[in-house]
Amino acid sequence: MSSSLTCVRDSGPAPEPRNAAGTRRRLQALAVMGHSTAELATRMDVPAGIVRRLQRGNRAEVPATLAAAVTALYDQLWDVRGTSHHTV
């Protein structure tokens, strides 16, 4: 299993955006577990600024592909301690 996740982008019609609350909470929970913003962003192949903004609650909606990537990442890491001493 790969240690990184890539947000899948296809040429079909864009799926409906998702409410950002679940995505935000998953990212915040992973940060509390010691996973840095940079690590999470790298694993999802997105800029760290996107993860930071989502963690801070600056968005009401997120693209469905990003929500799915965060859910998959959370499923991989929910019980794994990270190495970062900084949390949200």
C-alpha atoms as a PDB file:
ATOM      1  CA  MET A   1       0.000   0.000   0.000  1.00  0.00           C
ATOM      2  CA  SER A   2       1.346   3.423  -0.920  1.00  0.00           C
ATOM      3  CA  SER A   3       1.956   5.949   1.813  1.00  0.00           C
ATOM      4  CA  SER A   4       0.578   8.775  -0.283  1.00  0.00           C
ATOM      5  CA  LEU A   5      -2.849   9.537  -1.633  1.00  0.00           C
ATOM      6  CA  THR A   6      -3.470  11.528  -4.755  1.00  0.00           C
ATOM      7  CA  CYS A   7      -6.656  13.500  -5.275  1.00  0.00           C
ATOM      8  CA  VAL A   8      -8.141  11.853  -8.334  1.00  0.00           C
ATOM      9  CA  ARG A   9      -9.058  14.231 -11.112  1.00  0.00           C
ATOM     10  CA  ASP A  10     -10.903  13.034 -14.179  1.00  0.00           C
ATOM     11  CA  SER A  11     -12.299  14.734 -17.229  1.00  0.00           C
ATOM     12  CA  GLY A  12     -15.939  13.949 -16.406  1.00  0.00           C
ATOM     13  CA  PRO A  13     -18.394  16.398 -14.882  1.00  0.00           C
ATOM     14  CA  ALA A  14     -17.343  17.658 -11.468  1.00  0.00           C
ATOM     15  CA  PRO A  15     -19.212  16.003  -8.596  1.00  0.00           C
ATOM     16  CA  GLU A  16     -21.204  18.196  -6.261  1.00  0.00           C
ATOM     17  CA  PRO A  17     -19.139  19.934  -3.569  1.00  0.00           C
ATOM     18  CA  ARG A  18     -19.369  18.527  -0.054  1.00  0.00           C
ATOM     19  CA  ASN A  19     -19.902  20.275   3.253  1.00  0.00           C
ATOM     20  CA  ALA A  20     -16.425  20.932   4.668  1.00  0.00           C
ATOM     21  CA  ALA A  21     -17.230  20.098   8.319  1.00  0.00           C
ATOM     22  CA  GLY A  22     -16.326  16.398   8.174  1.00  0.00           C
ATOM     23  CA  THR A  23     -13.199  17.078   6.137  1.00  0.00           C
ATOM     24  CA  ARG A  24     -12.117  19.795   8.574  1.00  0.00           C
ATOM     25  CA  ARG A  25     -12.717  17.590  11.618  1.00  0.00           C
ATOM     26  CA  ARG A  26     -10.786  14.672  10.150  1.00  0.00           C
ATOM     27  CA  LEU A  27      -7.806  16.900   9.347  1.00  0.00           C
ATOM     28  CA  GLN A  28      -7.925  18.485  12.803  1.00  0.00           C
ATOM     29  CA  ALA A  29      -8.075  15.051  14.445  1.00  0.00           C
ATOM     30  CA  LEU A  30      -5.036  13.893  12.470  1.00  0.00           C
ATOM     31  CA  ALA A  31      -3.173  17.049  13.518  1.00  0.00           C
ATOM     32  CA  VAL A  32      -3.985  16.362  17.171  1.00  0.00           C
ATOM     33  CA  MET A  33      -2.576  12.855  16.645  1.00  0.00           C
ATOM     34  CA  GLY A  34       0.727  14.476  15.625  1.00  0.00           C
ATOM     35  CA  HIS A  35       0.473  14.524  11.831  1.00  0.00           C
ATOM     36  CA  SER A  36       1.830  17.784  10.446  1.00  0.00           C
ATOM     37  CA  THR A  37       0.051  19.840   7.827  1.00  0.00           C
ATOM     38  CA  ALA A  38       2.987  19.284   5.472  1.00  0.00           C
ATOM     39  CA  GLU A  39       2.826  15.506   5.933  1.00  0.00           C
ATOM     40  CA  LEU A  40      -0.927  15.391   5.324  1.00  0.00           C
ATOM     41  CA  ALA A  41      -0.621  17.609   2.248  1.00  0.00           C
ATOM     42  CA  THR A  42       2.197  15.478   0.836  1.00  0.00           C
ATOM     43  CA  ARG A  43       0.247  12.268   1.368  1.00  0.00           C
ATOM     44  CA  MET A  44      -2.721  13.747  -0.541  1.00  0.00           C
ATOM     45  CA  ASP A  45      -0.578  15.500  -3.170  1.00  0.00           C
ATOM     46  CA  VAL A  46      -2.111  18.922  -2.477  1.00  0.00           C
ATOM     47  CA  PRO A  47      -0.495  22.205  -1.382  1.00  0.00           C
ATOM     48  CA  ALA A  48      -0.065  22.588   2.389  1.00  0.00           C
ATOM     49  CA  GLY A  49      -1.996  25.879   2.232  1.00  0.00           C
ATOM     50  CA  ILE A  50      -5.151  24.014   1.242  1.00  0.00           C
ATOM     51  CA  VAL A  51      -4.844  21.685   4.228  1.00  0.00           C
ATOM     52  CA  ARG A  52      -4.143  24.635   6.532  1.00  0.00           C
ATOM     53  CA  ARG A  53      -7.207  26.559   5.318  1.00  0.00           C
ATOM     54  CA  LEU A  54      -9.405  23.493   5.706  1.00  0.00           C
ATOM     55  CA  GLN A  55      -8.121  22.850   9.234  1.00  0.00           C
ATOM     56  CA  ARG A  56      -8.886  26.445  10.197  1.00  0.00           C
ATOM     57  CA  GLY A  57     -12.427  26.298   8.839  1.00  0.00           C
ATOM     58  CA  ASN A  58     -12.048  28.909   6.119  1.00  0.00           C
ATOM     59  CA  ARG A  59     -14.234  26.989   3.653  1.00  0.00           C
ATOM     60  CA  ALA A  60     -17.869  25.949   3.834  1.00  0.00           C
ATOM     61  CA  GLU A  61     -17.583  23.428   0.993  1.00  0.00           C
ATOM     62  CA  VAL A  62     -14.856  21.262  -0.514  1.00  0.00           C
ATOM     63  CA  PRO A  63     -14.630  19.413  -3.813  1.00  0.00           C
ATOM     64  CA  ALA A  64     -15.924  15.855  -3.501  1.00  0.00           C
ATOM     65  CA  THR A  65     -12.564  14.449  -4.653  1.00  0.00           C
ATOM     66  CA  LEU A  66     -10.743  16.275  -1.853  1.00  0.00           C
ATOM     67  CA  ALA A  67     -13.309  15.165   0.737  1.00  0.00           C
ATOM     68  CA  ALA A  68     -12.846  11.570  -0.439  1.00  0.00           C
ATOM     69  CA  ALA A  69      -9.044  11.870  -0.273  1.00  0.00           C
ATOM     70  CA  VAL A  70      -9.209  13.206   3.301  1.00  0.00           C
ATOM     71  CA  THR A  71     -11.595  10.417   4.302  1.00  0.00           C
ATOM     72  CA  ALA A  72      -9.250   7.777   2.835  1.00  0.00           C
ATOM     73  CA  LEU A  73      -6.248   9.371   4.547  1.00  0.00           C
ATOM     74  CA  TYR A  74      -8.093   9.484   7.865  1.00  0.00           C
ATOM     75  CA  ASP A  75      -9.010   5.810   7.473  1.00  0.00           C
ATOM     76  CA  GLN A  76      -5.284   5.039   7.045  1.00  0.00           C
ATOM     77  CA  LEU A  77      -3.980   7.187   9.901  1.00  0.00           C
ATOM     78  CA  TRP A  78      -6.695   7.486  12.562  1.00  0.00           C
ATOM     79  CA  ASP A  79      -4.842   5.110  14.900  1.00  0.00           C
ATOM     80  CA  VAL A  80      -1.264   6.042  13.944  1.00  0.00           C
ATOM     81  CA  ARG A  81       0.659   8.601  15.995  1.00  0.00           C
ATOM     82  CA  GLY A  82       2.448  11.235  13.953  1.00  0.00           C
ATOM     83  CA  THR A  83       5.817  12.764  14.774  1.00  0.00           C
ATOM     84  CA  SER A  84       4.885  16.452  14.844  1.00  0.00           C
ATOM     85  CA  HIS A  85       4.747  18.291  18.171  1.00  0.00           C
ATOM     86  CA  HIS A  86       2.545  21.028  16.682  1.00  0.00           C
ATOM     87  CA  THR A  87      -1.224  20.673  16.596  1.00  0.00           C
ATOM     88  CA  VAL A  88      -4.055  22.792  15.239  1.00  0.00           C
END
